[in-house]
Structures are given as C-alpha cells and as structure tokens.
Amino acid sequence: MAKKILITDDANFMRTMLAKIIEEQGYVVAGMAENGERAIDQYKELEPDLVTMDITMPGMDGIEATKKIMEYDPDATIIVCSAMGQKPMVLEAIEAGAKDFIVKPIKPEKVKETLEKLLD
C-alpha cells in the first residue's frame, strides 16, 4: 500500500508542484491544506504517513501547526518546506517536532531523497 502524504502550503502552485513530485515517486497525495488550521483538521481526518509543512502561511503558521499535530500524534512525520532557510526557523521547526527541512525553491531530487529516508 502506497504511503499517504498531506501537503500544506498557502501557494497553490507549490501544492501542485509538490503533488506532482510526490506522485512521481509512487506516493499518494491524501490531501492538500492551504494553512495550519486546515492541515490539523486534515491530519486528523486523513491520518497521512507524512506531512509537508510550509512555515509562513496566513492564520496559523507551519510551526504552530507542527506543534499541534505533534500534540495530537507524537509519532507524526512532518517535513518543513520553506523559503526561509534561516537557521533559527529551521531549529524552531525541528524543536516543534519536524523530522526534516527542505528549502525552497524545491528540488525534486531533495524531496525524493527526504521521502525515501523518512518513509522507506
């Protein structure tokens, strides 16, 4: 059974691009969320194997959403994908429970490598 992934990003083009990369690797895109609140709701509903999480989004940001998902499910696997590759944001995301960090612009080979590392 293919692993299910929830994509969270406020930019539609980024969700679409990530979905294409993920599906090309043989994984299933279980859902897409445009903000942190929606990501939490969809996580509970869909129970994905992995979540990609943008940091900067309207409403609840990705770090807060990561913390809330980790409270709900301490075994959740979350990868933060953000253009803000500054060290403090990376550390904050990891401290919140993220397992890895991918810097935008996203490179398909980095996504593939990270998914394989965390899911296979």
Protein backbone atom coordinates (compact mmCIF):
# COMPACT_ATOMS: atom_id res chain seq x y z
CA MET A 1 0.00 0.00 0.00
CA ALA A 2 1.39 3.38 -1.03
CA LYS A 3 2.26 5.86 1.70
CA LYS A 4 -0.14 8.82 2.06
CA ILE A 5 1.13 12.39 2.20
CA LEU A 6 -0.62 15.61 3.21
CA ILE A 7 0.73 18.75 1.51
CA THR A 8 0.46 22.07 3.38
CA ASP A 9 1.33 25.33 1.62
CA ASP A 10 -0.53 28.60 1.13
CA ALA A 11 0.63 28.82 -2.52
CA ASN A 12 -1.47 26.75 -4.90
CA PHE A 13 1.38 26.40 -7.43
CA MET A 14 3.63 24.98 -4.67
CA ARG A 15 0.99 22.44 -3.59
CA THR A 16 0.57 21.40 -7.22
CA MET A 17 4.33 21.12 -7.83
CA LEU A 18 4.89 19.10 -4.65
CA ALA A 19 1.96 16.83 -5.52
CA LYS A 20 3.49 16.10 -8.93
CA ILE A 21 6.91 15.27 -7.40
CA ILE A 22 5.34 13.10 -4.68
CA GLU A 23 3.11 11.17 -7.09
CA GLU A 24 6.04 10.59 -9.48
CA GLN A 25 7.79 8.83 -6.56
CA GLY A 26 4.83 6.46 -6.18
CA TYR A 27 3.33 8.03 -3.06
CA VAL A 28 -0.32 9.09 -2.72
CA VAL A 29 -1.31 12.71 -2.07
CA ALA A 30 -4.02 12.17 0.56
CA GLY A 31 -4.91 15.86 0.80
CA MET A 32 -3.81 19.46 0.48
CA ALA A 33 -4.13 22.26 3.01
CA GLU A 34 -3.62 25.98 2.48
CA ASN A 35 -2.98 26.88 6.13
CA GLY A 36 -2.13 25.44 9.54
CA GLU A 37 -5.71 25.07 10.78
CA ARG A 38 -6.70 23.11 7.68
CA ALA A 39 -3.56 20.94 7.99
CA ILE A 40 -4.53 19.91 11.54
CA ASP A 41 -8.11 19.09 10.51
CA GLN A 42 -6.93 17.09 7.51
CA TYR A 43 -4.27 15.30 9.55
CA LYS A 44 -6.92 14.06 11.98
CA GLU A 45 -9.29 13.11 9.16
CA LEU A 46 -6.84 11.51 6.69
CA GLU A 47 -4.15 10.09 9.02
CA PRO A 48 -1.34 10.55 6.47
CA ASP A 49 2.06 8.86 6.80
CA LEU A 50 3.83 12.18 6.28
CA VAL A 51 3.04 15.91 6.16
CA THR A 52 4.88 18.58 4.18
CA MET A 53 4.51 21.88 6.04
CA ASP A 54 5.17 25.42 4.82
CA ILE A 55 6.19 27.84 7.61
CA THR A 56 4.80 31.19 6.51
CA MET A 57 1.04 30.97 5.94
CA PRO A 58 -1.96 33.19 6.77
CA GLY A 59 -3.75 32.34 10.01
CA MET A 60 -1.83 29.62 11.82
CA ASP A 61 1.77 29.26 10.63
CA GLY A 62 3.54 25.97 9.99
CA ILE A 63 5.49 25.91 13.25
CA GLU A 64 2.33 26.28 15.33
CA ALA A 65 0.54 23.67 13.19
CA THR A 66 3.51 21.29 13.59
CA LYS A 67 3.32 21.68 17.39
CA LYS A 68 -0.42 20.99 17.39
CA ILE A 69 -0.11 17.92 15.14
CA MET A 70 2.70 16.59 17.36
CA GLU A 71 0.49 17.10 20.45
CA TYR A 72 -2.26 15.14 18.71
CA ASP A 73 0.09 12.44 17.38
CA PRO A 74 3.63 12.31 18.83
CA ASP A 75 4.60 9.83 16.06
CA ALA A 76 3.66 12.20 13.22
CA THR A 77 6.26 12.61 10.46
CA ILE A 78 6.46 16.23 9.32
CA ILE A 79 8.86 17.81 6.82
CA VAL A 80 9.01 21.59 6.81
CA CYS A 81 9.32 23.13 3.33
CA SER A 82 10.06 26.83 3.38
CA ALA A 83 11.90 29.57 1.53
CA MET A 84 13.07 30.84 4.88
CA GLY A 85 16.17 28.75 5.23
CA GLN A 86 17.49 30.83 8.11
CA LYS A 87 18.92 28.76 10.89
CA PRO A 88 16.52 29.97 13.66
CA MET A 89 13.45 28.93 11.64
CA VAL A 90 14.97 25.52 10.87
CA LEU A 91 15.78 24.98 14.55
CA GLU A 92 12.33 26.14 15.64
CA ALA A 93 10.68 23.74 13.19
CA ILE A 94 12.85 20.83 14.38
CA GLU A 95 12.17 21.72 18.03
CA ALA A 96 8.44 21.76 17.23
CA GLY A 97 8.77 18.15 16.03
CA ALA A 98 9.60 18.33 12.32
CA LYS A 99 11.79 15.42 11.19
CA ASP A 100 13.48 17.27 8.32
CA PHE A 101 13.61 20.55 6.43
CA ILE A 102 13.55 21.24 2.68
CA VAL A 103 14.48 24.73 1.47
CA LYS A 104 12.56 26.35 -1.39
CA PRO A 105 12.96 26.51 -4.29
CA ILE A 106 12.22 22.82 -4.00
CA LYS A 107 14.41 20.41 -5.92
CA PRO A 108 12.67 17.15 -6.89
CA GLU A 109 15.75 15.06 -6.02
CA LYS A 110 15.85 16.53 -2.47
CA VAL A 111 12.14 15.73 -1.98
CA LYS A 112 12.69 12.18 -3.27
CA GLU A 113 15.71 11.65 -1.00
CA THR A 114 13.88 13.01 2.07
CA LEU A 115 10.73 10.94 1.45
CA GLU A 116 12.76 7.76 0.98
CA LYS A 117 14.74 8.45 4.15
CA LEU A 118 11.63 9.01 6.26
CA LEU A 119 9.14 6.57 4.72
CA ASP A 120 11.02 3.55 3.31
